[in-house]
Protein backbone atom coordinates (compact mmCIF):
# COMPACT_ATOMS: atom_id res chain seq x y z
CA MET A 1 249.75 -14.96 20.36
CA ALA A 2 248.00 -18.18 21.36
CA THR A 3 249.30 -20.21 24.38
CA SER A 4 248.73 -23.90 24.91
CA GLY A 5 247.65 -23.32 28.52
CA VAL A 6 246.94 -26.13 31.08
CA SER A 7 244.48 -28.53 32.14
CA PHE A 8 243.76 -29.46 35.74
CA LYS A 9 241.29 -31.19 38.08
CA ARG A 10 239.33 -29.61 40.79
CA CYS A 11 236.27 -30.34 43.03
CA GLY A 12 233.87 -28.57 45.13
CA CYS A 13 234.76 -30.17 48.49
CA ARG A 14 235.11 -27.85 51.48
CA LEU A 15 237.11 -27.90 54.70
CA ASP A 16 236.18 -25.39 57.41
CA GLY A 17 234.04 -23.53 54.97
CA ARG A 18 236.84 -23.17 52.41
CA ARG A 19 236.70 -24.78 49.01
CA LEU A 20 239.60 -27.21 48.48
CA GLU A 21 239.66 -26.79 44.72
CA LYS A 22 242.86 -28.49 43.40
CA SER A 23 244.12 -29.38 46.88
CA CYS A 24 241.52 -31.87 47.60
CA PRO A 25 243.25 -35.26 48.61
CA ARG A 26 240.47 -37.20 46.90
CA LEU A 27 241.22 -35.87 43.49
CA GLY A 28 243.12 -39.09 42.63
CA GLU A 29 239.92 -40.94 42.96
CA HIS A 30 238.11 -42.07 39.82
CA GLY A 31 235.02 -39.91 39.24
CA HIS A 32 235.78 -37.35 41.84
CA GLY A 33 236.06 -33.74 40.65
CA THR A 34 235.94 -32.51 36.99
CA TRP A 35 238.60 -31.29 34.54
CA TYR A 36 239.27 -27.68 33.61
CA PHE A 37 241.48 -25.82 31.21
CA HIS A 38 242.70 -22.36 30.82
CA CYS A 39 244.69 -20.75 28.05
CA SER A 40 244.83 -17.43 26.08
CA ALA A 41 244.77 -16.34 22.45
CA ALA A 42 244.35 -12.98 20.62
CA ASN A 43 240.76 -11.78 20.09
CA LEU A 44 239.43 -9.73 17.22
CA LEU A 45 241.03 -6.58 18.54
CA GLY A 46 244.41 -8.22 18.70
CA ARG A 47 244.37 -8.34 22.49
CA SER A 48 245.04 -11.38 24.64
CA GLU A 49 241.82 -13.14 25.53
CA ARG A 50 242.07 -15.48 28.57
CA VAL A 51 239.52 -18.31 28.98
CA ARG A 52 239.02 -20.78 31.79
CA ARG A 53 236.32 -23.46 31.30
CA GLY A 54 235.53 -26.75 33.16
CA GLY A 55 233.08 -29.47 33.89
CA TYR A 56 234.75 -32.01 31.59
CA PRO A 57 234.58 -35.72 32.71
CA SER A 58 238.23 -36.39 31.75
CA GLN A 59 241.64 -34.73 31.17
CA ALA A 60 241.38 -35.82 27.43
CA ALA A 61 237.89 -34.12 27.02
CA ALA A 62 239.40 -30.82 28.77
CA ARG A 63 242.43 -30.91 26.19
CA ARG A 64 240.15 -31.50 23.33
CA ALA A 65 237.91 -28.50 24.31
CA ARG A 66 241.05 -26.47 24.83
CA GLN A 67 242.28 -27.32 21.35
CA GLU A 68 238.89 -26.50 19.75
CA TRP A 69 238.91 -23.16 21.46
CA LEU A 70 242.41 -22.32 20.17
CA SER A 71 241.57 -23.49 16.61
CA ILE A 72 238.54 -21.33 16.01
CA THR A 73 238.74 -17.95 14.50
CA GLU A 74 239.53 -14.79 16.21
CA ALA A 75 236.02 -13.48 15.59
CA ASN A 76 234.33 -16.79 16.90
CA ARG A 77 236.64 -16.63 19.90
CA THR A 78 235.54 -13.06 20.70
CA ALA A 79 231.90 -13.94 20.21
CA GLN A 80 232.10 -16.87 22.52
CA GLY A 81 234.21 -15.12 25.17
CA TRP A 82 232.59 -11.74 25.34
CA THR A 83 229.27 -11.11 27.08
CA ALA A 84 226.64 -8.79 25.55
CA GLU A 85 227.50 -6.23 28.26
CA ARG A 86 231.04 -6.09 27.09
CA TRP A 87 230.19 -5.86 23.44
CA LEU A 88 227.54 -3.30 23.96
CA ARG A 89 230.03 -1.09 25.80
CA HIS A 90 232.69 -1.70 23.22
CA TRP A 91 230.27 -0.62 20.50
CA LEU A 92 229.40 2.61 22.29
CA ASP A 93 233.07 3.36 22.88
CA ASN A 94 233.76 3.19 19.17
CA ARG A 95 230.82 5.32 18.12
CA THR A 96 233.03 8.38 17.86
CA LYS A 97 231.14 10.22 14.97
CA ILE A 98 227.51 10.16 16.23
CA ARG A 99 225.87 13.25 17.45
CA PRO A 100 225.64 13.97 21.19
CA THR A 101 221.98 13.52 21.39
CA THR A 102 222.25 10.18 19.58
CA ARG A 103 224.87 8.92 22.00
CA PHE A 104 222.79 10.02 24.91
CA HIS A 105 219.78 7.98 23.76
CA TYR A 106 222.10 4.96 22.84
CA THR A 107 223.67 5.07 26.27
CA ARG A 108 220.31 5.39 28.09
CA ASP A 109 219.09 2.30 26.17
CA VAL A 110 222.28 0.33 26.76
CA GLU A 111 222.82 1.00 30.40
CA ASN A 112 219.12 1.20 31.74
CA VAL A 113 217.63 -1.65 29.76
CA LEU A 114 219.66 -3.71 27.48
CA ILE A 115 222.62 -4.56 29.89
CA PRO A 116 220.30 -5.43 32.83
CA HIS A 117 218.38 -7.82 30.57
CA LEU A 118 220.80 -9.21 28.23
CA GLY A 119 224.32 -8.23 29.55
CA ARG A 120 225.09 -11.63 31.17
CA HIS A 121 224.63 -13.64 27.92
CA ARG A 122 227.48 -14.53 25.69
CA LEU A 123 227.42 -12.61 22.42
CA ALA A 124 227.55 -15.93 20.56
CA ASP A 125 224.30 -17.00 22.45
CA LEU A 126 222.15 -14.05 21.26
CA ASP A 127 219.65 -15.51 18.84
CA ALA A 128 216.13 -14.65 17.64
CA ARG A 129 214.40 -16.73 20.23
CA LEU A 130 216.36 -15.28 23.13
CA LEU A 131 215.78 -11.70 21.93
CA ARG A 132 212.19 -12.13 21.40
CA ALA A 133 211.70 -13.56 24.99
CA THR A 134 213.77 -10.68 26.32
CA PHE A 135 211.87 -8.03 24.68
CA THR A 136 208.55 -9.63 25.71
CA GLU A 137 209.83 -9.40 29.31
CA ILE A 138 211.01 -5.77 28.84
CA ALA A 139 207.62 -4.78 27.44
CA THR A 140 206.08 -5.72 30.92
CA THR A 141 208.36 -3.40 32.77
CA THR A 142 207.91 0.41 33.42
CA ASN A 143 209.97 3.25 32.29
CA SER A 144 211.76 5.89 34.60
CA LYS A 145 208.30 7.70 35.21
CA GLY A 146 206.55 4.60 36.30
CA ARG A 147 204.62 4.20 33.10
CA PRO A 148 204.39 1.12 30.85
CA GLN A 149 206.93 0.84 28.10
CA SER A 150 205.55 2.48 25.02
CA ALA A 151 205.76 0.94 21.46
CA SER A 152 208.01 3.76 20.39
CA ALA A 153 210.37 3.16 23.31
CA MET A 154 210.44 -0.44 22.45
CA GLN A 155 211.14 0.30 18.85
CA HIS A 156 214.06 2.45 19.90
CA LEU A 157 215.46 -0.26 22.00
CA ARG A 158 215.24 -2.59 18.98
CA THR A 159 217.06 0.14 16.81
CA THR A 160 219.84 0.52 19.40
CA LEU A 161 220.42 -3.25 19.82
CA ARG A 162 220.23 -3.80 15.93
CA ALA A 163 222.87 -1.20 15.31
CA ALA A 164 225.14 -2.77 18.05
CA LEU A 165 224.80 -6.22 16.61
CA ASN A 166 225.25 -4.96 12.99
CA LEU A 167 228.74 -4.14 13.96
CA ALA A 168 229.22 -7.64 15.21
CA VAL A 169 228.06 -9.02 11.88
CA ARG A 170 230.32 -6.68 9.97
CA GLU A 171 233.26 -7.90 12.22
CA GLY A 172 232.49 -11.55 11.61
CA LEU A 173 231.40 -12.26 15.24
CA LEU A 174 227.84 -13.11 14.22
CA ASP A 175 226.71 -14.71 11.02
CA CYS A 176 223.38 -12.59 10.90
CA ASN A 177 221.81 -9.87 13.18
CA PRO A 178 219.19 -11.73 15.35
CA ALA A 179 217.70 -8.41 16.36
CA ARG A 180 215.95 -8.01 12.91
CA HIS A 181 213.51 -10.77 14.03
CA ILE A 182 212.13 -8.67 16.79
CA GLU A 183 208.70 -7.52 16.20
CA ILE A 184 207.38 -4.61 18.16
CA SER A 185 203.47 -4.79 18.41
CA GLY A 186 201.44 -1.64 18.24
CA TYR A 187 204.36 0.42 16.78
CA GLN A 188 203.42 2.85 13.84
CA GLN A 189 205.49 5.67 12.58
CA PRO A 190 203.53 8.72 13.90
CA HIS A 191 202.02 11.08 11.31
CA ALA A 192 201.21 14.73 12.03
CA LYS A 193 197.43 15.22 12.55
CA VAL A 194 195.83 18.76 12.18
CA TRP A 195 193.93 20.16 15.25
CA THR A 196 190.57 20.21 13.64
CA GLU A 197 187.59 21.38 15.44
CA VAL A 198 186.59 17.71 15.98
CA ARG A 199 189.85 16.73 17.45
CA VAL A 200 189.93 19.84 19.63
CA HIS A 201 186.55 18.99 21.10
CA GLN A 202 187.62 15.34 21.58
CA TRP A 203 190.91 16.45 23.40
CA GLU A 204 188.83 18.90 25.63
CA GLN A 205 186.39 16.05 26.52
CA THR A 206 188.97 13.14 27.10
CA GLY A 207 192.34 14.62 27.39
CA ASN A 208 193.50 12.36 24.60
CA ARG A 209 195.85 13.93 21.92
CA PRO A 210 197.61 12.73 18.83
CA ALA A 211 201.28 11.74 19.17
CA VAL A 212 202.12 14.27 16.58
CA ALA A 213 199.82 17.21 16.17
CA VAL A 214 199.98 20.57 14.17
CA TRP A 215 198.05 23.72 14.30
CA THR A 216 195.84 25.06 11.53
CA ALA A 217 197.01 28.39 10.03
CA ASP A 218 194.38 30.21 12.23
CA GLN A 219 195.60 28.62 15.33
CA LEU A 220 199.17 29.38 14.48
CA ALA A 221 198.06 33.05 13.77
CA THR A 222 196.30 33.09 17.23
CA PHE A 223 199.58 31.85 18.88
CA LEU A 224 201.91 34.28 17.25
CA GLY A 225 199.34 37.10 18.05
CA THR A 226 199.50 36.33 21.68
CA VAL A 227 203.37 36.18 22.01
CA THR A 228 204.42 39.19 19.98
CA ASP A 229 205.87 40.79 23.17
CA ASP A 230 207.79 37.60 24.19
CA SER A 231 211.39 37.93 24.13
CA LEU A 232 211.64 34.74 21.79
CA PHE A 233 208.97 35.79 19.42
CA ALA A 234 211.36 35.61 16.48
CA PHE A 235 212.31 32.16 17.70
CA TRP A 236 208.75 30.96 17.42
CA TRP A 237 208.37 32.77 14.12
CA LEU A 238 211.34 31.12 12.51
CA THR A 239 210.36 27.64 13.79
CA ALA A 240 206.79 27.88 12.77
CA LEU A 241 207.22 29.61 9.39
CA ARG A 242 210.65 28.63 8.21
CA GLY A 243 210.84 25.04 9.70
CA LEU A 244 214.10 25.48 11.62
CA ARG A 245 214.83 22.85 14.09
CA ARG A 246 215.20 23.74 17.76
CA GLY A 247 218.92 23.21 17.76
CA GLU A 248 219.46 25.09 14.60
CA THR A 249 217.65 28.20 15.99
CA CYS A 250 219.37 27.98 19.29
CA GLY A 251 222.69 27.88 17.46
CA LEU A 252 221.87 30.63 14.93
CA ARG A 253 224.29 33.59 14.93
CA TRP A 254 223.96 37.04 13.55
CA THR A 255 226.93 36.47 11.05
CA GLU A 256 224.76 33.68 9.41
CA ILE A 257 221.86 36.08 8.59
CA ASP A 258 221.92 38.63 5.72
CA LEU A 259 218.99 40.88 6.43
CA ASP A 260 219.65 43.08 3.45
CA ARG A 261 219.48 40.14 1.02
CA GLY A 262 216.92 38.17 2.96
CA VAL A 263 218.93 34.99 3.42
CA LEU A 264 219.62 32.88 6.55
CA THR A 265 222.27 30.17 6.53
CA ILE A 266 222.16 27.04 8.78
CA GLU A 267 225.62 26.26 9.79
CA ARG A 268 225.46 24.63 13.20
CA ASN A 269 223.29 22.82 15.53
CA ARG A 270 223.02 23.37 19.35
CA THR A 271 221.84 20.38 21.30
CA ALA A 272 221.14 19.53 24.95
CA GLY A 273 221.82 15.99 26.35
CA TYR A 274 224.19 15.29 29.15
CA GLN A 275 225.62 18.71 28.29
CA ILE A 276 225.03 21.35 25.73
CA VAL A 277 226.93 20.58 22.53
CA GLU A 278 227.28 22.43 19.20
CA GLY A 279 228.19 20.70 16.01
CA ALA A 280 227.05 20.22 12.36
CA PRO A 281 223.41 20.16 11.53
CA LYS A 282 221.50 16.91 12.04
CA THR A 283 221.87 15.91 8.39
CA PRO A 284 224.11 16.85 5.46
CA ALA A 285 221.06 18.42 3.93
CA GLY A 286 220.69 20.41 7.00
CA ARG A 287 223.41 22.71 5.98
CA ARG A 288 221.35 25.08 3.82
CA ALA A 289 220.37 28.60 2.86
CA ILE A 290 216.79 29.74 3.63
CA ALA A 291 215.12 32.66 1.92
CA LEU A 292 213.36 35.17 4.17
CA ASP A 293 210.30 37.03 3.19
CA LYS A 294 209.80 40.56 4.09
CA ARG A 295 207.82 40.08 7.13
CA THR A 296 210.44 37.70 8.58
CA VAL A 297 213.14 40.17 7.88
CA GLN A 298 211.08 42.73 9.92
CA VAL A 299 210.66 40.36 12.84
CA LEU A 300 214.44 39.69 12.91
CA ARG A 301 215.27 43.40 12.70
CA ALA A 302 212.97 44.10 15.53
CA HIS A 303 214.45 41.29 17.58
CA HIS A 304 218.07 42.67 16.69
CA ARG A 305 217.00 46.16 18.04
CA ARG A 306 215.69 44.62 21.22
CA GLN A 307 218.85 42.71 21.83
CA LEU A 308 220.91 45.91 21.22
CA ASP A 309 218.72 47.78 23.70
CA GLN A 310 219.11 44.96 26.22
CA ARG A 311 222.89 45.20 25.77
CA ALA A 312 222.85 49.06 26.34
CA GLN A 313 220.73 48.65 29.35
CA ALA A 314 223.15 46.06 30.77
CA ALA A 315 225.93 48.47 30.31
CA LYS A 316 223.96 51.37 31.91
CA ASP A 317 223.11 49.24 34.89
CA GLY A 318 226.62 47.74 35.26
CA THR A 319 225.27 44.17 34.91
CA PRO A 320 227.24 41.43 33.02
CA TRP A 321 226.79 41.11 29.21
CA THR A 322 228.88 39.03 26.94
CA ASP A 323 228.59 39.69 23.21
CA THR A 324 228.42 36.00 22.04
CA GLY A 325 226.97 36.92 18.64
CA TYR A 326 224.11 34.45 19.01
CA VAL A 327 220.62 35.66 17.81
CA PHE A 328 218.80 34.22 20.84
CA THR A 329 220.36 34.85 24.20
CA ARG A 330 219.70 35.16 27.88
CA ALA A 331 219.68 38.50 29.82
CA ASP A 332 223.64 38.33 29.99
CA GLY A 333 224.15 37.77 26.46
CA GLN A 334 224.90 34.03 26.57
CA PRO A 335 223.15 31.65 24.21
CA ILE A 336 219.86 30.04 25.51
CA ASN A 337 219.64 26.29 26.68
CA PRO A 338 217.56 24.39 24.04
CA ASN A 339 215.59 22.86 26.85
CA TYR A 340 214.61 26.25 28.11
CA ALA A 341 212.96 27.07 24.60
CA THR A 342 211.04 23.84 24.93
CA THR A 343 209.80 24.62 28.43
CA ARG A 344 209.06 28.28 27.49
CA PHE A 345 207.02 27.24 24.38
CA ARG A 346 204.87 24.73 26.38
CA LYS A 347 203.94 27.47 29.01
CA LEU A 348 203.08 30.04 26.22
CA VAL A 349 200.90 27.52 24.47
CA GLN A 350 199.01 26.86 27.75
CA ARG A 351 198.64 30.54 28.34
CA ALA A 352 197.28 31.04 24.74
CA GLY A 353 194.46 28.36 25.51
CA LEU A 354 195.50 26.51 22.38
CA PRO A 355 195.47 22.61 21.79
CA PRO A 356 198.91 21.26 22.70
CA VAL A 357 201.79 20.81 20.23
CA ARG A 358 205.35 20.13 20.79
CA LEU A 359 208.01 22.75 19.81
CA HIS A 360 209.20 20.21 17.05
CA ASP A 361 205.52 19.81 15.96
CA LEU A 362 205.73 23.46 15.16
CA ARG A 363 208.38 22.83 12.53
CA HIS A 364 206.19 20.01 11.07
CA GLY A 365 203.37 22.53 10.57
CA ALA A 366 205.79 24.78 8.62
CA ALA A 367 205.65 22.26 5.74
CA SER A 368 201.85 22.21 5.44
CA LEU A 369 201.62 25.94 5.66
CA ALA A 370 204.01 26.22 2.66
CA HIS A 371 201.33 24.72 0.58
CA GLU A 372 198.79 27.30 1.41
CA ALA A 373 198.41 30.90 0.09
CA GLY A 374 200.86 32.32 2.57
CA PRO A 375 201.64 32.08 6.18
CA PRO A 376 199.85 34.24 8.71
CA TYR A 377 201.23 37.83 8.83
CA SER A 378 203.17 37.37 5.61
CA ARG A 379 201.24 40.08 3.75
CA ARG A 380 201.19 42.48 6.59
């Protein structure tokens, strides 16, 4: 409920270092001090929003300003009263249905970059000119590793801010989204490039590599041939030849694999952010059944036998083992950390002497391999 509030006069005079404010004996003099008002009214969330503003030359001007503030809509009152920092945190608090990794990246953008650069501005003051100037300033800074901000990181910041301000538009706080006018120079959606002989030679000479790169079928065959004894061999196989995401493979359980029928079902995704979280697959289409060829079934059967042997050895040695039901586990039976899979893969690639690819790039390569006559080892 709105309250009429009060208007008052104050000045900046000091006595013994203390501001006199409303107790200055000269306030009765014409032109000494300025007028302020304070009052409260409901904001967009139905909560009481208290405001105090000043600098008005007369009491009448302060009263008019107070009445104008009380007469505007709840949405406009919120936009004028809230800072960008308050709105960004409100937006994050209300994103209850996003994936943990998405929340991690949004929170990093908001807390580390957007609030330090934009947080003090009123939400109503965010316009295209201010945002363009701010993003130009951000582009001159360095990231947490001391490196210049990349075009990809800047694009992600723009995406985060645009999502936050889209909610402000939907709630009627802003007429349009000023973040849509931000242009990120140099940003291009990366496309996977194959490690041809020419690119490999260039990488060896300069150290430069594509943002997203995939191996040829022969290079993949070389990699798989060097890691056959690795405890996560089946992990690399499923990622490279069946296109599973890291989180899908880490969250895979034996109850979701039918080796007799040759079918694997994706039911969950295991991700690592501030903490390890399991949930639904990344997209609705991610919940799917995947046909397994005979060689993949053999690989998974061999992996299952190895896991059973590991469990039996643990019982024999009296070491802890928990039967969690996961396909890929640590020595104690607990599921592996997704970040461990990434680190392990990087080391194996270096050991194999192959051009670098990310673990996720291994999934990208599965699509191109599907167009060839068959994946390596598929006919063995």
